[in-house]
Protein backbone atom coordinates (compact mmCIF):
# COMPACT_ATOMS: atom_id res chain seq x y z
CA UNK A 1 -5.50 15.44 -9.11
CA UNK A 2 -2.95 14.20 -11.57
CA UNK A 3 -3.93 13.02 -15.04
CA UNK A 4 -2.04 12.38 -18.26
CA UNK A 5 -2.47 10.47 -21.47
CA UNK A 6 -0.68 7.13 -21.71
CA UNK A 7 1.65 7.45 -24.69
CA UNK A 8 4.77 5.50 -23.72
CA UNK A 9 5.62 2.08 -25.10
CA UNK A 10 6.82 0.64 -21.78
CA UNK A 11 5.54 -2.71 -20.52
CA UNK A 12 3.12 -1.17 -18.00
CA UNK A 13 1.80 1.43 -20.46
CA UNK A 14 1.25 -1.25 -23.11
CA UNK A 15 -0.70 -3.40 -20.65
CA UNK A 16 -3.09 -0.53 -19.87
CA UNK A 17 -3.40 0.44 -23.53
CA UNK A 18 -4.21 -3.19 -24.40
CA UNK A 19 -7.17 -2.83 -22.01
CA UNK A 20 -8.27 0.38 -23.82
CA UNK A 21 -7.18 2.46 -20.83
CA UNK A 22 -5.61 5.59 -22.29
CA UNK A 23 -5.21 7.98 -19.33
CA UNK A 24 -3.85 7.87 -15.78
CA UNK A 25 -7.27 8.70 -14.32
CA UNK A 26 -8.72 5.61 -16.05
CA UNK A 27 -5.76 3.46 -14.95
CA UNK A 28 -6.06 4.54 -11.31
CA UNK A 29 -9.83 3.90 -11.36
CA UNK A 30 -9.21 0.42 -12.86
CA UNK A 31 -6.60 -0.42 -10.21
CA UNK A 32 -8.73 0.88 -7.36
CA UNK A 33 -11.66 -1.33 -8.38
CA UNK A 34 -9.54 -4.50 -8.36
CA UNK A 35 -9.79 -6.68 -5.24
CA UNK A 36 -7.41 -6.18 -2.34
CA UNK A 37 -5.28 -9.31 -2.12
CA UNK A 38 -1.72 -10.48 -1.84
CA UNK A 39 0.09 -11.10 -5.09
CA UNK A 40 1.86 -14.31 -6.05
CA UNK A 41 5.06 -12.43 -6.96
CA UNK A 42 5.07 -8.76 -6.06
CA UNK A 43 8.45 -8.33 -7.76
CA UNK A 44 6.69 -8.95 -11.08
CA UNK A 45 5.84 -5.48 -12.35
CA UNK A 46 2.63 -6.86 -13.96
CA UNK A 47 1.46 -8.94 -10.99
CA UNK A 48 -1.62 -6.77 -10.43
CA UNK A 49 -2.83 -7.71 -13.93
CA UNK A 50 -1.81 -11.37 -13.61
CA UNK A 51 -3.45 -11.81 -10.21
CA UNK A 52 -6.42 -9.55 -10.99
CA UNK A 53 -5.84 -7.65 -7.75
CA UNK A 54 -3.20 -6.42 -5.40
CA UNK A 55 -2.16 -4.70 -2.22
CA UNK A 56 -1.36 -1.08 -1.50
CA UNK A 57 2.23 -1.89 -2.47
CA UNK A 58 1.67 -3.52 -5.82
CA UNK A 59 -1.17 -1.26 -6.95
CA UNK A 60 0.69 1.97 -6.20
CA UNK A 61 4.02 0.67 -7.54
CA UNK A 62 2.22 -0.18 -10.80
CA UNK A 63 0.79 3.34 -11.07
CA UNK A 64 4.17 4.88 -10.22
CA UNK A 65 5.79 2.79 -12.97
CA UNK A 66 3.09 4.00 -15.37
CA UNK A 67 3.91 7.60 -14.44
CA UNK A 68 7.65 6.97 -14.81
CA UNK A 69 7.19 5.43 -18.26
CA UNK A 70 5.21 8.48 -19.33
CA UNK A 71 7.68 11.03 -17.94
CA UNK A 72 5.52 12.20 -15.02
CA UNK A 73 8.18 12.55 -12.34
CA UNK A 74 6.01 14.67 -10.02
CA UNK A 75 4.01 11.61 -8.99
CA UNK A 76 5.86 10.08 -6.03
CA UNK A 77 5.53 6.72 -4.29
CA UNK A 78 5.62 6.73 -0.48
CA UNK A 79 5.89 4.23 2.32
CA UNK A 80 4.19 5.45 5.46
CA UNK A 81 3.58 3.95 8.86
CA UNK A 82 0.21 4.48 10.49
CA UNK A 83 -1.56 3.10 13.54
CA UNK A 84 -4.12 0.64 12.26
CA UNK A 85 -6.94 0.28 14.79
CA UNK A 86 -10.58 -0.77 15.08
CA UNK A 87 -11.82 2.69 14.10
CA UNK A 88 -9.82 3.22 10.90
CA UNK A 89 -9.70 -0.48 9.95
CA UNK A 90 -12.82 -2.20 11.35
CA UNK A 91 -12.06 -5.56 9.70
CA UNK A 92 -9.15 -6.12 12.12
CA UNK A 93 -11.02 -5.26 15.33
CA UNK A 94 -11.55 -8.92 16.26
CA UNK A 95 -7.82 -9.68 15.82
CA UNK A 96 -6.82 -6.73 18.01
CA UNK A 97 -9.39 -7.77 20.60
CA UNK A 98 -8.15 -11.35 20.63
CA UNK A 99 -4.66 -10.14 21.66
CA UNK A 100 -5.83 -7.20 23.81
CA UNK A 101 -4.18 -4.67 21.53
CA UNK A 102 -5.42 -1.19 20.76
CA UNK A 103 -3.46 -0.72 17.54
CA UNK A 104 -1.06 -2.27 15.08
CA UNK A 105 1.58 -0.14 13.32
CA UNK A 106 1.18 -0.85 9.62
CA UNK A 107 3.25 0.06 6.59
CA UNK A 108 1.15 1.54 3.80
CA UNK A 109 2.04 2.58 0.28
CA UNK A 110 0.36 5.48 -1.48
CA UNK A 111 1.12 8.16 -4.04
CA UNK A 112 1.61 11.88 -3.73
CA UNK A 113 1.20 14.53 -6.37
CA UNK A 114 2.06 18.09 -5.30
CA UNK A 115 1.72 16.96 -1.67
CA UNK A 116 -1.80 15.62 -2.27
CA UNK A 117 -2.07 12.04 -0.98
CA UNK A 118 -3.65 9.61 -3.44
CA UNK A 119 -4.77 6.17 -2.25
CA UNK A 120 -6.01 3.62 -4.79
CA UNK A 121 -5.82 0.54 -2.53
CA UNK A 122 -9.56 -0.25 -2.43
CA UNK A 123 -12.78 0.99 -4.02
CA UNK A 124 -13.49 3.36 -1.14
CA UNK A 125 -9.92 4.15 -0.07
CA UNK A 126 -9.15 7.70 0.90
CA UNK A 127 -6.28 9.38 2.77
CA UNK A 128 -8.60 10.10 5.69
CA UNK A 129 -8.57 6.35 6.40
CA UNK A 130 -5.03 6.60 7.77
CA UNK A 131 -3.83 10.22 7.85
CA UNK A 132 -5.08 10.92 11.39
CA UNK A 133 -3.05 7.95 12.69
CA UNK A 134 -0.04 8.66 10.49
CA UNK A 135 3.39 8.38 12.15
CA UNK A 136 6.12 8.72 9.50
CA UNK A 137 6.81 8.38 5.80
CA UNK A 138 9.64 7.96 3.32
CA UNK A 139 9.68 8.29 -0.46
CA UNK A 140 10.55 5.03 -2.22
CA UNK A 141 10.88 3.57 -5.70
CA UNK A 142 8.65 0.74 -7.01
CA UNK A 143 11.48 -1.77 -6.59
CA UNK A 144 11.46 -1.09 -2.82
CA UNK A 145 7.97 -2.49 -2.11
CA UNK A 146 9.36 -5.90 -1.14
CA UNK A 147 12.50 -6.35 0.92
CA UNK A 148 13.04 -2.68 1.78
CA UNK A 149 9.43 -2.21 2.90
CA UNK A 150 9.48 -5.32 5.10
CA UNK A 151 12.81 -4.40 6.72
CA UNK A 152 11.71 -0.78 7.28
CA UNK A 153 8.47 -1.98 8.86
CA UNK A 154 10.20 -4.53 11.10
CA UNK A 155 12.72 -1.95 12.33
CA UNK A 156 9.81 0.36 13.13
CA UNK A 157 8.00 -2.40 15.04
CA UNK A 158 11.12 -3.18 17.08
CA UNK A 159 11.30 0.49 18.07
CA UNK A 160 7.55 0.60 18.75
CA UNK A 161 7.73 -2.41 21.05
CA UNK A 162 10.69 -0.96 22.95
CA UNK A 163 8.68 2.25 23.48
CA UNK A 164 5.62 0.24 24.62
CA UNK A 165 6.95 -2.29 27.16
CA UNK A 166 3.40 -3.14 28.30
CA UNK A 167 2.90 -5.08 25.04
CA UNK A 168 3.72 -8.68 26.00
CA UNK A 169 4.95 -9.88 22.59
CA UNK A 170 8.37 -10.06 21.01
CA UNK A 171 8.89 -8.67 17.51
CA UNK A 172 8.26 -11.98 15.71
CA UNK A 173 5.08 -12.81 17.62
CA UNK A 174 3.85 -9.25 17.06
CA UNK A 175 4.66 -9.65 13.35
CA UNK A 176 2.56 -12.85 13.29
CA UNK A 177 -0.36 -10.95 14.85
CA UNK A 178 0.07 -8.30 12.17
CA UNK A 179 -0.17 -11.07 9.55
CA UNK A 180 -3.51 -12.10 11.10
CA UNK A 181 -4.65 -8.51 10.70
CA UNK A 182 -3.67 -8.52 7.02
CA UNK A 183 -5.51 -11.81 6.48
CA UNK A 184 -8.61 -10.26 8.05
CA UNK A 185 -8.37 -7.38 5.57
CA UNK A 186 -8.55 -9.79 2.65
CA UNK A 187 -11.90 -11.21 3.74
């Protein structure tokens, strides 16, 4: 597990230090305890603090920025696609059932340090929640959690639907169903 003292004077480091959080381990614990919820403006590097919560994207981008400010380049931010289903994500089972779907390909952000996957999305998050249904991943920068992530995910879904012609939805309807799944996760 990665840990380092927060010594930089960057905007993210200062925000943690103002909360008397002086090490990465404390910062990651703080972020993980915050509620899972969509942010008002995920392009705002401090949105997790302002909204008192965040998603996998905003929480991990914040921690990656903290590492960058403190010169820890070995901590990497990733965008992965995994098959979200009733077993690994029970809160969405009713949505999948409503549309007679077994799974929903979902984009997920997480960190890696020396190839160890770190997931601080929720209090009880762990890589085992998605690693068995993992499909692909790409390393990204914090600035790519918005437009790039959405486009990457939509391109993947288009390919997924073309490979699964039995699914009776077009890309946009499927995307709307995915949004229902995300709303279910916030409850």
